[in-house]
Amino acid sequence: MLTVQFFLTALVVVIAPGTGVIYTLALGLGQGRRAALWAALGCTFGIVPHLAAATLGLAAILHTSALLFNIVKFAGVAYLLWLAWGSLQSGGALNISSQRSADAGWRIARRGALINILNPKLSIFFLALLPPFLSGNAATATLEMTTLGLVFMAMTFAVFVLYGTFAAAARQWILGSEVVMRWLSRSFAAIFAALAGRLALERA
């Protein structure tokens, strides 16, 4: 179950820069280490519904129901576009400014959780990722899926914290240049708009 192959596979998946990583980096650069930690926490807990769906078999229902898949998908698209727009607005969730005060931790975590919750591909992804590492004993399958999922979440949080800490360390250099701050805010807006476009093209 908890094999070297699982840890290596999970590590490759977690390290790959996806929406959660970009969000955590943006918060680290824009609001500092504390904000990045809350972002990492929120993104990690946003995985829970998808792991539960994969464990309970609900991911298969989502995969076969085009209507349900598209409802979640386009809610996710709208949310990513909202974050992209906020990157360009003073005081927006991802806007980088030397004058910006940090958001409340629970707000940052909630946004991070929604990023993952509103991505229907995650449930299907976990349904494909975890079963190959099960022992094959039907009596312990649920417990094994839960254990693998919790380990995956712990690895996600640890790696995201490293990303966020790195971004927060670079924050002081960035705040010294208005040009760099504007460029980064626009870049994050473009990235989230692109991620929204990619999600819109996903099929069940």
N, C-alpha and C. Protein backbone atom coordinates (compact mmCIF):
# COMPACT_ATOMS: atom_id res chain seq x y z
N MET A 1 0.84 -1.21 0.00
CA MET A 1 0.00 0.00 0.00
C MET A 1 0.87 1.26 0.00
N LEU A 2 1.50 1.57 1.16
CA LEU A 2 2.40 2.73 1.23
C LEU A 2 3.78 2.31 0.75
N THR A 3 3.93 2.24 -0.54
CA THR A 3 5.16 1.78 -1.16
C THR A 3 5.99 2.96 -1.66
N VAL A 4 7.23 2.67 -2.01
CA VAL A 4 8.09 3.69 -2.58
C VAL A 4 7.47 4.23 -3.87
N GLN A 5 6.86 3.34 -4.65
CA GLN A 5 6.23 3.76 -5.90
C GLN A 5 5.11 4.76 -5.65
N PHE A 6 4.34 4.51 -4.57
CA PHE A 6 3.25 5.45 -4.25
C PHE A 6 3.81 6.81 -3.89
N PHE A 7 4.83 6.83 -3.01
CA PHE A 7 5.40 8.11 -2.58
C PHE A 7 6.01 8.87 -3.74
N LEU A 8 6.68 8.17 -4.64
CA LEU A 8 7.28 8.84 -5.80
C LEU A 8 6.21 9.38 -6.73
N THR A 9 5.17 8.57 -6.97
CA THR A 9 4.07 9.01 -7.84
C THR A 9 3.37 10.22 -7.25
N ALA A 10 3.06 10.15 -5.94
CA ALA A 10 2.38 11.25 -5.27
C ALA A 10 3.24 12.51 -5.28
N LEU A 11 4.54 12.35 -5.07
CA LEU A 11 5.44 13.50 -5.05
C LEU A 11 5.48 14.20 -6.40
N VAL A 12 5.54 13.43 -7.47
CA VAL A 12 5.55 14.01 -8.82
C VAL A 12 4.26 14.79 -9.06
N VAL A 13 3.13 14.22 -8.64
CA VAL A 13 1.84 14.87 -8.82
C VAL A 13 1.77 16.17 -8.03
N VAL A 14 2.21 16.12 -6.78
CA VAL A 14 2.12 17.28 -5.89
C VAL A 14 3.04 18.40 -6.33
N ILE A 15 4.25 18.05 -6.75
CA ILE A 15 5.23 19.07 -7.15
C ILE A 15 4.82 19.80 -8.43
N ALA A 16 4.14 19.09 -9.33
CA ALA A 16 3.74 19.70 -10.60
C ALA A 16 2.93 20.96 -10.34
N PRO A 17 3.32 22.09 -10.95
CA PRO A 17 2.63 23.36 -10.68
C PRO A 17 1.23 23.41 -11.28
N GLY A 18 0.22 23.23 -10.43
CA GLY A 18 -1.17 23.34 -10.85
C GLY A 18 -1.80 24.58 -10.25
N THR A 19 -3.12 24.62 -10.27
CA THR A 19 -3.84 25.80 -9.80
C THR A 19 -3.55 26.11 -8.33
N GLY A 20 -3.52 25.08 -7.49
CA GLY A 20 -3.26 25.29 -6.07
C GLY A 20 -1.88 25.86 -5.82
N VAL A 21 -0.90 25.36 -6.54
CA VAL A 21 0.47 25.87 -6.40
C VAL A 21 0.53 27.34 -6.81
N ILE A 22 -0.09 27.68 -7.92
CA ILE A 22 -0.08 29.06 -8.40
C ILE A 22 -0.75 29.98 -7.38
N TYR A 23 -1.85 29.51 -6.82
CA TYR A 23 -2.56 30.31 -5.81
C TYR A 23 -1.68 30.54 -4.58
N THR A 24 -1.02 29.48 -4.12
CA THR A 24 -0.15 29.59 -2.95
C THR A 24 1.02 30.53 -3.22
N LEU A 25 1.63 30.43 -4.40
CA LEU A 25 2.71 31.33 -4.77
C LEU A 25 2.23 32.78 -4.80
N ALA A 26 1.05 32.99 -5.37
CA ALA A 26 0.51 34.35 -5.46
C ALA A 26 0.29 34.95 -4.08
N LEU A 27 -0.23 34.15 -3.15
CA LEU A 27 -0.47 34.65 -1.79
C LEU A 27 0.84 34.90 -1.06
N GLY A 28 1.83 34.03 -1.28
CA GLY A 28 3.13 34.24 -0.66
C GLY A 28 3.79 35.52 -1.13
N LEU A 29 3.71 35.77 -2.44
CA LEU A 29 4.29 36.99 -3.00
C LEU A 29 3.50 38.23 -2.62
N GLY A 30 2.19 38.10 -2.61
CA GLY A 30 1.35 39.27 -2.37
C GLY A 30 1.14 39.61 -0.92
N GLN A 31 1.10 38.59 -0.03
CA GLN A 31 0.72 38.86 1.36
C GLN A 31 1.65 38.23 2.40
N GLY A 32 2.66 37.49 1.97
CA GLY A 32 3.63 36.98 2.92
C GLY A 32 3.44 35.52 3.31
N ARG A 33 4.31 35.07 4.22
CA ARG A 33 4.38 33.66 4.59
C ARG A 33 3.10 33.18 5.27
N ARG A 34 2.56 33.98 6.17
CA ARG A 34 1.35 33.56 6.88
C ARG A 34 0.21 33.30 5.90
N ALA A 35 0.05 34.19 4.93
CA ALA A 35 -1.00 34.02 3.94
C ALA A 35 -0.77 32.77 3.10
N ALA A 36 0.51 32.51 2.78
CA ALA A 36 0.85 31.32 1.99
C ALA A 36 0.50 30.04 2.76
N LEU A 37 0.72 30.04 4.07
CA LEU A 37 0.38 28.87 4.89
C LEU A 37 -1.12 28.62 4.89
N TRP A 38 -1.90 29.69 5.00
CA TRP A 38 -3.36 29.55 4.94
C TRP A 38 -3.79 29.06 3.56
N ALA A 39 -3.14 29.54 2.52
CA ALA A 39 -3.46 29.10 1.16
C ALA A 39 -3.17 27.62 1.00
N ALA A 40 -2.02 27.18 1.50
CA ALA A 40 -1.66 25.76 1.44
C ALA A 40 -2.66 24.91 2.19
N LEU A 41 -3.09 25.39 3.35
CA LEU A 41 -4.06 24.66 4.16
C LEU A 41 -5.40 24.54 3.42
N GLY A 42 -5.86 25.66 2.86
CA GLY A 42 -7.13 25.64 2.14
C GLY A 42 -7.10 24.73 0.93
N CYS A 43 -6.04 24.80 0.15
CA CYS A 43 -5.92 23.95 -1.03
C CYS A 43 -5.89 22.47 -0.64
N THR A 44 -5.24 22.18 0.48
CA THR A 44 -5.16 20.80 0.94
C THR A 44 -6.53 20.28 1.35
N PHE A 45 -7.27 21.06 2.11
CA PHE A 45 -8.60 20.62 2.54
C PHE A 45 -9.59 20.59 1.38
N GLY A 46 -9.31 21.34 0.32
CA GLY A 46 -10.17 21.28 -0.86
C GLY A 46 -10.10 19.94 -1.57
N ILE A 47 -9.10 19.12 -1.21
CA ILE A 47 -8.95 17.79 -1.77
C ILE A 47 -9.93 16.80 -1.14
N VAL A 48 -10.34 17.07 0.11
CA VAL A 48 -11.15 16.12 0.89
C VAL A 48 -12.40 15.64 0.16
N PRO A 49 -13.23 16.53 -0.41
CA PRO A 49 -14.44 16.03 -1.09
C PRO A 49 -14.12 15.08 -2.25
N HIS A 50 -13.03 15.33 -2.94
CA HIS A 50 -12.67 14.49 -4.08
C HIS A 50 -12.15 13.12 -3.63
N LEU A 51 -11.39 13.12 -2.55
CA LEU A 51 -10.93 11.84 -2.00
C LEU A 51 -12.12 11.03 -1.48
N ALA A 52 -13.05 11.73 -0.83
CA ALA A 52 -14.25 11.04 -0.33
C ALA A 52 -15.06 10.49 -1.49
N ALA A 53 -15.18 11.26 -2.57
CA ALA A 53 -15.92 10.80 -3.73
C ALA A 53 -15.27 9.58 -4.36
N ALA A 54 -13.93 9.61 -4.44
CA ALA A 54 -13.21 8.47 -5.02
C ALA A 54 -13.37 7.23 -4.14
N THR A 55 -13.30 7.42 -2.82
CA THR A 55 -13.41 6.31 -1.88
C THR A 55 -14.82 5.70 -1.91
N LEU A 56 -15.83 6.54 -1.99
CA LEU A 56 -17.22 6.08 -1.94
C LEU A 56 -17.77 5.71 -3.31
N GLY A 57 -17.00 5.92 -4.36
CA GLY A 57 -17.45 5.58 -5.70
C GLY A 57 -18.27 6.66 -6.38
N LEU A 58 -18.38 7.83 -5.74
CA LEU A 58 -19.17 8.91 -6.33
C LEU A 58 -18.47 9.53 -7.54
N ALA A 59 -17.15 9.36 -7.61
CA ALA A 59 -16.42 9.90 -8.75
C ALA A 59 -16.87 9.24 -10.04
N ALA A 60 -17.23 7.96 -9.96
CA ALA A 60 -17.71 7.26 -11.16
C ALA A 60 -19.02 7.85 -11.64
N ILE A 61 -19.87 8.25 -10.68
CA ILE A 61 -21.15 8.88 -11.04
C ILE A 61 -20.90 10.22 -11.72
N LEU A 62 -19.97 10.99 -11.15
CA LEU A 62 -19.62 12.28 -11.74
C LEU A 62 -19.08 12.09 -13.14
N HIS A 63 -18.28 11.05 -13.32
CA HIS A 63 -17.68 10.78 -14.62
C HIS A 63 -18.72 10.42 -15.67
N THR A 64 -19.78 9.72 -15.26
CA THR A 64 -20.79 9.28 -16.21
C THR A 64 -21.93 10.29 -16.38
N SER A 65 -22.01 11.27 -15.49
CA SER A 65 -23.07 12.27 -15.58
C SER A 65 -22.53 13.55 -16.19
N ALA A 66 -22.80 13.75 -17.45
CA ALA A 66 -22.29 14.93 -18.15
C ALA A 66 -22.85 16.22 -17.54
N LEU A 67 -24.12 16.19 -17.13
CA LEU A 67 -24.75 17.39 -16.57
C LEU A 67 -24.08 17.79 -15.26
N LEU A 68 -23.92 16.83 -14.35
CA LEU A 68 -23.31 17.13 -13.06
C LEU A 68 -21.86 17.58 -13.24
N PHE A 69 -21.14 16.91 -14.12
CA PHE A 69 -19.75 17.27 -14.39
C PHE A 69 -19.66 18.71 -14.89
N ASN A 70 -20.52 19.07 -15.83
CA ASN A 70 -20.47 20.40 -16.42
C ASN A 70 -20.90 21.49 -15.44
N ILE A 71 -21.83 21.17 -14.54
CA ILE A 71 -22.24 22.16 -13.53
C ILE A 71 -21.05 22.53 -12.66
N VAL A 72 -20.36 21.50 -12.15
CA VAL A 72 -19.19 21.75 -11.29
C VAL A 72 -18.09 22.43 -12.10
N LYS A 73 -17.90 21.95 -13.33
CA LYS A 73 -16.82 22.48 -14.17
C LYS A 73 -17.00 23.98 -14.44
N PHE A 74 -18.18 24.38 -14.86
CA PHE A 74 -18.36 25.79 -15.22
C PHE A 74 -18.44 26.69 -14.00
N ALA A 75 -18.81 26.13 -12.86
CA ALA A 75 -18.70 26.90 -11.61
C ALA A 75 -17.23 27.15 -11.33
N GLY A 76 -16.38 26.13 -11.57
CA GLY A 76 -14.95 26.29 -11.40
C GLY A 76 -14.36 27.29 -12.37
N VAL A 77 -14.82 27.26 -13.62
CA VAL A 77 -14.35 28.21 -14.63
C VAL A 77 -14.67 29.64 -14.20
N ALA A 78 -15.91 29.85 -13.77
CA ALA A 78 -16.32 31.20 -13.34
C ALA A 78 -15.48 31.67 -12.15
N TYR A 79 -15.19 30.75 -11.24
CA TYR A 79 -14.41 31.11 -10.05
C TYR A 79 -12.98 31.48 -10.42
N LEU A 80 -12.37 30.73 -11.32
CA LEU A 80 -11.01 31.05 -11.75
C LEU A 80 -10.95 32.38 -12.49
N LEU A 81 -11.96 32.67 -13.28
CA LEU A 81 -12.01 33.95 -13.98
C LEU A 81 -12.19 35.10 -12.98
N TRP A 82 -12.94 34.85 -11.92
CA TRP A 82 -13.12 35.86 -10.88
C TRP A 82 -11.79 36.14 -10.19
N LEU A 83 -11.02 35.09 -9.93
CA LEU A 83 -9.69 35.27 -9.33
C LEU A 83 -8.76 36.03 -10.29
N ALA A 84 -8.86 35.71 -11.58
CA ALA A 84 -8.04 36.41 -12.59
C ALA A 84 -8.36 37.89 -12.60
N TRP A 85 -9.64 38.21 -12.56
CA TRP A 85 -10.06 39.61 -12.55
C TRP A 85 -9.57 40.30 -11.28
N GLY A 86 -9.65 39.58 -10.16
CA GLY A 86 -9.20 40.16 -8.90
C GLY A 86 -7.72 40.46 -8.88
N SER A 87 -6.94 39.73 -9.68
CA SER A 87 -5.51 39.99 -9.74
C SER A 87 -5.21 41.37 -10.29
N LEU A 88 -6.13 41.88 -11.09
CA LEU A 88 -5.91 43.18 -11.73
C LEU A 88 -6.51 44.33 -10.94
N GLN A 89 -7.27 44.01 -9.90
CA GLN A 89 -7.96 45.04 -9.13
C GLN A 89 -7.23 45.31 -7.81
N SER A 90 -7.12 46.55 -7.44
CA SER A 90 -6.52 46.91 -6.16
C SER A 90 -7.34 46.29 -5.04
N GLY A 91 -6.70 45.51 -4.20
CA GLY A 91 -7.42 44.84 -3.12
C GLY A 91 -7.98 43.50 -3.53
N GLY A 92 -7.79 43.10 -4.80
CA GLY A 92 -8.27 41.80 -5.27
C GLY A 92 -7.53 40.67 -4.58
N ALA A 93 -8.10 39.48 -4.66
CA ALA A 93 -7.56 38.33 -3.92
C ALA A 93 -6.08 38.07 -4.24
N LEU A 94 -5.69 38.24 -5.49
CA LEU A 94 -4.33 37.89 -5.89
C LEU A 94 -3.51 39.10 -6.33
N ASN A 95 -4.01 40.28 -6.08
CA ASN A 95 -3.28 41.48 -6.48
C ASN A 95 -2.05 41.67 -5.60
N ILE A 96 -0.93 42.01 -6.22
CA ILE A 96 0.32 42.20 -5.49
C ILE A 96 0.61 43.69 -5.38
N SER A 97 0.65 44.19 -4.15
CA SER A 97 0.86 45.61 -3.93
C SER A 97 1.56 45.82 -2.59
N SER A 98 2.43 46.80 -2.52
CA SER A 98 3.14 47.09 -1.27
C SER A 98 2.20 47.71 -0.24
N GLN A 99 1.06 48.23 -0.69
CA GLN A 99 0.11 48.88 0.21
C GLN A 99 -0.95 47.91 0.72
N ARG A 100 -0.94 46.70 0.23
CA ARG A 100 -2.00 45.77 0.56
C ARG A 100 -1.83 45.17 1.95
N SER A 101 -2.93 45.12 2.71
CA SER A 101 -2.93 44.45 4.01
C SER A 101 -3.34 42.99 3.80
N ALA A 102 -2.90 42.12 4.68
CA ALA A 102 -3.19 40.70 4.53
C ALA A 102 -4.66 40.41 4.79
N ASP A 103 -5.22 39.50 4.01
CA ASP A 103 -6.59 39.06 4.23
C ASP A 103 -6.67 38.18 5.47
N ALA A 104 -7.88 38.00 5.96
CA ALA A 104 -8.08 37.07 7.08
C ALA A 104 -7.72 35.66 6.63
N GLY A 105 -7.11 34.90 7.52
CA GLY A 105 -6.66 33.56 7.16
C GLY A 105 -7.77 32.67 6.64
N TRP A 106 -8.95 32.74 7.26
CA TRP A 106 -10.04 31.86 6.83
C TRP A 106 -10.54 32.21 5.43
N ARG A 107 -10.44 33.49 5.06
CA ARG A 107 -10.84 33.88 3.70
C ARG A 107 -9.87 33.29 2.67
N ILE A 108 -8.57 33.37 2.99
CA ILE A 108 -7.56 32.82 2.09
C ILE A 108 -7.74 31.32 1.95
N ALA A 109 -7.95 30.63 3.08
CA ALA A 109 -8.14 29.18 3.05
C ALA A 109 -9.41 28.81 2.28
N ARG A 110 -10.47 29.56 2.47
CA ARG A 110 -11.73 29.26 1.77
C ARG A 110 -11.56 29.37 0.26
N ARG A 111 -10.87 30.42 -0.18
CA ARG A 111 -10.64 30.56 -1.61
C ARG A 111 -9.81 29.40 -2.15
N GLY A 112 -8.77 29.01 -1.40
CA GLY A 112 -7.94 27.90 -1.82
C GLY A 112 -8.71 26.60 -1.90
N ALA A 113 -9.59 26.37 -0.90
CA ALA A 113 -10.40 25.15 -0.91
C ALA A 113 -11.34 25.12 -2.11
N LEU A 114 -11.94 26.26 -2.42
CA LEU A 114 -12.89 26.31 -3.54
C LEU A 114 -12.20 26.04 -4.88
N ILE A 115 -10.95 26.44 -4.99
CA ILE A 115 -10.21 26.17 -6.23
C ILE A 115 -10.21 24.69 -6.54
N ASN A 116 -9.97 23.86 -5.51
CA ASN A 116 -9.93 22.42 -5.72
C ASN A 116 -11.32 21.79 -5.72
N ILE A 117 -12.20 22.27 -4.85
CA ILE A 117 -13.55 21.70 -4.78
C ILE A 117 -14.27 21.83 -6.12
N LEU A 118 -14.07 22.96 -6.79
CA LEU A 118 -14.78 23.21 -8.05
C LEU A 118 -14.04 22.69 -9.29
N ASN A 119 -13.14 21.74 -9.08
CA ASN A 119 -12.46 21.09 -10.20
C ASN A 119 -12.91 19.62 -10.25
N PRO A 120 -13.89 19.29 -11.09
CA PRO A 120 -14.44 17.92 -11.10
C PRO A 120 -13.45 16.86 -11.55
N LYS A 121 -12.38 17.26 -12.21
CA LYS A 121 -11.40 16.28 -12.68
C LYS A 121 -10.63 15.64 -11.52
N LEU A 122 -10.59 16.31 -10.38
CA LEU A 122 -9.84 15.78 -9.25
C LEU A 122 -10.43 14.47 -8.73
N SER A 123 -11.76 14.39 -8.68
CA SER A 123 -12.39 13.15 -8.20
C SER A 123 -12.03 11.98 -9.11
N ILE A 124 -12.10 12.23 -10.41
CA ILE A 124 -11.77 11.18 -11.38
C ILE A 124 -10.28 10.85 -11.31
N PHE A 125 -9.47 11.88 -11.07
CA PHE A 125 -8.03 11.67 -10.96
C PHE A 125 -7.71 10.73 -9.80
N PHE A 126 -8.30 10.98 -8.63
CA PHE A 126 -8.03 10.14 -7.47
C PHE A 126 -8.59 8.73 -7.65
N LEU A 127 -9.68 8.63 -8.38
CA LEU A 127 -10.25 7.31 -8.66
C LEU A 127 -9.28 6.48 -9.51
N ALA A 128 -8.48 7.16 -10.33
CA ALA A 128 -7.49 6.47 -11.15
C ALA A 128 -6.16 6.30 -10.41
N LEU A 129 -5.80 7.28 -9.56
CA LEU A 129 -4.50 7.26 -8.91
C LEU A 129 -4.38 6.23 -7.78
N LEU A 130 -5.36 6.18 -6.90
CA LEU A 130 -5.23 5.41 -5.67
C LEU A 130 -5.44 3.89 -5.79
N PRO A 131 -6.46 3.41 -6.50
CA PRO A 131 -6.73 1.96 -6.53
C PRO A 131 -5.54 1.07 -6.90
N PRO A 132 -4.66 1.47 -7.84
CA PRO A 132 -3.53 0.58 -8.16
C PRO A 132 -2.60 0.29 -6.98
N PHE A 133 -2.67 1.11 -5.94
CA PHE A 133 -1.80 0.91 -4.79
C PHE A 133 -2.48 0.17 -3.64
N LEU A 134 -3.70 -0.29 -3.85
CA LEU A 134 -4.41 -1.06 -2.82
C LEU A 134 -3.89 -2.49 -2.78
N SER A 135 -4.09 -3.13 -1.63
CA SER A 135 -3.59 -4.50 -1.45
C SER A 135 -4.42 -5.54 -2.19
N GLY A 136 -5.65 -5.18 -2.54
CA GLY A 136 -6.53 -6.15 -3.20
C GLY A 136 -7.50 -6.81 -2.25
N ASN A 137 -7.39 -6.50 -0.96
CA ASN A 137 -8.31 -7.04 0.05
C ASN A 137 -9.54 -6.15 0.12
N ALA A 138 -10.69 -6.64 -0.31
CA ALA A 138 -11.91 -5.84 -0.35
C ALA A 138 -12.33 -5.36 1.03
N ALA A 139 -12.02 -6.15 2.06
CA ALA A 139 -12.44 -5.80 3.42
C ALA A 139 -11.73 -4.56 3.95
N THR A 140 -10.55 -4.29 3.44
CA THR A 140 -9.78 -3.14 3.94
C THR A 140 -9.62 -2.04 2.89
N ALA A 141 -10.33 -2.16 1.78
CA ALA A 141 -10.16 -1.21 0.67
C ALA A 141 -10.47 0.23 1.08
N THR A 142 -11.57 0.42 1.81
CA THR A 142 -11.95 1.78 2.22
C THR A 142 -10.91 2.38 3.15
N LEU A 143 -10.44 1.60 4.11
CA LEU A 143 -9.42 2.08 5.04
C LEU A 143 -8.12 2.41 4.30
N GLU A 144 -7.75 1.57 3.34
CA GLU A 144 -6.53 1.80 2.58
C GLU A 144 -6.64 3.05 1.72
N MET A 145 -7.80 3.24 1.07
CA MET A 145 -8.02 4.43 0.26
C MET A 145 -7.92 5.68 1.13
N THR A 146 -8.53 5.60 2.32
CA THR A 146 -8.50 6.75 3.24
C THR A 146 -7.07 7.05 3.68
N THR A 147 -6.31 6.01 4.00
CA THR A 147 -4.92 6.19 4.43
C THR A 147 -4.07 6.80 3.32
N LEU A 148 -4.21 6.26 2.12
CA LEU A 148 -3.46 6.82 0.99
C LEU A 148 -3.84 8.27 0.75
N GLY A 149 -5.12 8.56 0.88
CA GLY A 149 -5.59 9.93 0.68
C GLY A 149 -5.03 10.88 1.72
N LEU A 150 -4.99 10.46 2.97
CA LEU A 150 -4.46 11.31 4.03
C LEU A 150 -2.96 11.56 3.84
N VAL A 151 -2.24 10.53 3.43
CA VAL A 151 -0.80 10.69 3.15
C VAL A 151 -0.61 11.67 2.00
N PHE A 152 -1.43 11.53 0.96
CA PHE A 152 -1.35 12.44 -0.19
C PHE A 152 -1.62 13.87 0.25
N MET A 153 -2.61 14.06 1.13
CA MET A 153 -2.91 15.40 1.62
C MET A 153 -1.74 15.97 2.42
N ALA A 154 -1.13 15.15 3.26
CA ALA A 154 0.01 15.61 4.06
C ALA A 154 1.17 16.04 3.15
N MET A 155 1.40 15.27 2.10
CA MET A 155 2.46 15.62 1.15
C MET A 155 2.11 16.90 0.41
N THR A 156 0.85 17.05 0.06
CA THR A 156 0.40 18.27 -0.62
C THR A 156 0.66 19.49 0.24
N PHE A 157 0.26 19.41 1.51
CA PHE A 157 0.44 20.55 2.41
C PHE A 157 1.92 20.89 2.57
N ALA A 158 2.75 19.86 2.77
CA ALA A 158 4.19 20.09 2.98
C ALA A 158 4.83 20.76 1.77
N VAL A 159 4.52 20.27 0.58
CA VAL A 159 5.11 20.83 -0.64
C VAL A 159 4.59 22.25 -0.89
N PHE A 160 3.30 22.47 -0.67
CA PHE A 160 2.73 23.80 -0.88
C PHE A 160 3.33 24.80 0.10
N VAL A 161 3.59 24.37 1.33
CA VAL A 161 4.23 25.25 2.31
C VAL A 161 5.62 25.66 1.83
N LEU A 162 6.35 24.73 1.25
CA LEU A 162 7.67 25.05 0.71
C LEU A 162 7.56 26.07 -0.42
N TYR A 163 6.60 25.85 -1.32
CA TYR A 163 6.38 26.82 -2.40
C TYR A 163 6.05 28.20 -1.83
N GLY A 164 5.13 28.21 -0.86
CA GLY A 164 4.71 29.47 -0.27
C GLY A 164 5.82 30.17 0.48
N THR A 165 6.63 29.41 1.18
CA THR A 165 7.75 29.98 1.92
C THR A 165 8.77 30.60 0.97
N PHE A 166 9.02 29.92 -0.13
CA PHE A 166 9.93 30.45 -1.15
C PHE A 166 9.38 31.77 -1.72
N ALA A 167 8.08 31.79 -2.01
CA ALA A 167 7.48 33.01 -2.56
C ALA A 167 7.54 34.15 -1.55
N ALA A 168 7.27 33.84 -0.28
CA ALA A 168 7.30 34.88 0.76
C ALA A 168 8.70 35.44 0.93
N ALA A 169 9.72 34.59 0.77
CA ALA A 169 11.11 35.04 0.90
C ALA A 169 11.47 36.03 -0.21
N ALA A 170 10.83 35.86 -1.38
CA ALA A 170 11.10 36.75 -2.51
C ALA A 170 10.26 38.03 -2.45
N ARG A 171 9.35 38.09 -1.51
CA ARG A 171 8.41 39.21 -1.44
C ARG A 171 9.09 40.56 -1.25
N GLN A 172 10.08 40.62 -0.37
CA GLN A 172 10.72 41.90 -0.08
C GLN A 172 11.40 42.49 -1.32
N TRP A 173 12.00 41.63 -2.12
CA TRP A 173 12.63 42.10 -3.35
C TRP A 173 11.59 42.63 -4.32
N ILE A 174 10.47 41.93 -4.40
CA ILE A 174 9.41 42.30 -5.34
C ILE A 174 8.77 43.63 -4.95
N LEU A 175 8.55 43.82 -3.65
CA LEU A 175 7.88 45.05 -3.19
C LEU A 175 8.70 46.30 -3.47
N GLY A 176 9.95 46.12 -3.81
CA GLY A 176 10.79 47.28 -4.10
C GLY A 176 10.63 47.80 -5.52
N SER A 177 9.82 47.13 -6.33
CA SER A 177 9.67 47.54 -7.72
C SER A 177 8.19 47.55 -8.12
N GLU A 178 7.66 48.72 -8.40
CA GLU A 178 6.27 48.84 -8.85
C GLU A 178 6.06 48.10 -10.17
N VAL A 179 7.08 48.14 -11.03
CA VAL A 179 6.98 47.49 -12.34
C VAL A 179 6.82 45.98 -12.17
N VAL A 180 7.64 45.40 -11.30
CA VAL A 180 7.58 43.96 -11.06
C VAL A 180 6.24 43.57 -10.46
N MET A 181 5.72 44.36 -9.52
CA MET A 181 4.43 44.05 -8.90
C MET A 181 3.31 44.08 -9.93
N ARG A 182 3.32 45.09 -10.80
CA ARG A 182 2.28 45.15 -11.85
C ARG A 182 2.41 43.97 -12.80
N TRP A 183 3.64 43.64 -13.15
CA TRP A 183 3.88 42.54 -14.09
C TRP A 183 3.40 41.22 -13.50
N LEU A 184 3.68 41.01 -12.22
CA LEU A 184 3.28 39.77 -11.58
C LEU A 184 1.75 39.68 -11.45
N SER A 185 1.11 40.77 -11.09
CA SER A 185 -0.36 40.76 -10.97
C SER A 185 -1.00 40.42 -12.30
N ARG A 186 -0.48 41.01 -13.37
CA ARG A 186 -1.01 40.72 -14.70
C ARG A 186 -0.71 39.28 -15.11
N SER A 187 0.46 38.80 -14.73
CA SER A 187 0.83 37.42 -15.06
C SER A 187 -0.09 36.42 -14.36
N PHE A 188 -0.37 36.66 -13.08
CA PHE A 188 -1.27 35.76 -12.36
C PHE A 188 -2.68 35.82 -12.96
N ALA A 189 -3.09 37.01 -13.37
CA ALA A 189 -4.41 37.13 -14.02
C ALA A 189 -4.45 36.30 -15.30
N ALA A 190 -3.38 36.38 -16.10
CA ALA A 190 -3.32 35.63 -17.35
C ALA A 190 -3.28 34.12 -17.08
N ILE A 191 -2.53 33.72 -16.05
CA ILE A 191 -2.42 32.29 -15.73
C ILE A 191 -3.77 31.73 -15.30
N PHE A 192 -4.48 32.44 -14.42
CA PHE A 192 -5.77 31.94 -13.96
C PHE A 192 -6.81 31.96 -15.07
N ALA A 193 -6.73 32.93 -15.97
CA ALA A 193 -7.63 32.94 -17.12
C ALA A 193 -7.33 31.74 -18.02
N ALA A 194 -6.05 31.42 -18.20
CA ALA A 194 -5.67 30.26 -19.01
C ALA A 194 -6.12 28.96 -18.35
N LEU A 195 -5.99 28.88 -17.03
CA LEU A 195 -6.44 27.69 -16.31
C LEU A 195 -7.95 27.53 -16.42
N ALA A 196 -8.66 28.65 -16.40
CA ALA A 196 -10.11 28.60 -16.58
C ALA A 196 -10.45 28.08 -17.98
N GLY A 197 -9.71 28.55 -18.97
CA GLY A 197 -9.94 28.08 -20.33
C GLY A 197 -9.67 26.60 -20.48
N ARG A 198 -8.60 26.13 -19.84
CA ARG A 198 -8.27 24.70 -19.90
C ARG A 198 -9.35 23.87 -19.23
N LEU A 199 -9.82 24.34 -18.07
CA LEU A 199 -10.87 23.62 -17.36
C LEU A 199 -12.16 23.57 -18.19
N ALA A 200 -12.45 24.66 -18.89
CA ALA A 200 -13.67 24.71 -19.71
C ALA A 200 -13.64 23.66 -20.83
N LEU A 201 -12.45 23.30 -21.28
CA LEU A 201 -12.31 22.33 -22.36
C LEU A 201 -12.27 20.88 -21.88
N GLU A 202 -12.22 20.68 -20.55
CA GLU A 202 -12.17 19.33 -20.00
C GLU A 202 -13.49 18.60 -20.25
N ARG A 203 -13.38 17.31 -20.46
CA ARG A 203 -14.58 16.49 -20.64
C ARG A 203 -14.58 15.38 -19.61
N ALA A 204 -15.79 14.94 -19.26
CA ALA A 204 -15.93 13.89 -18.25
C ALA A 204 -15.33 12.59 -18.76
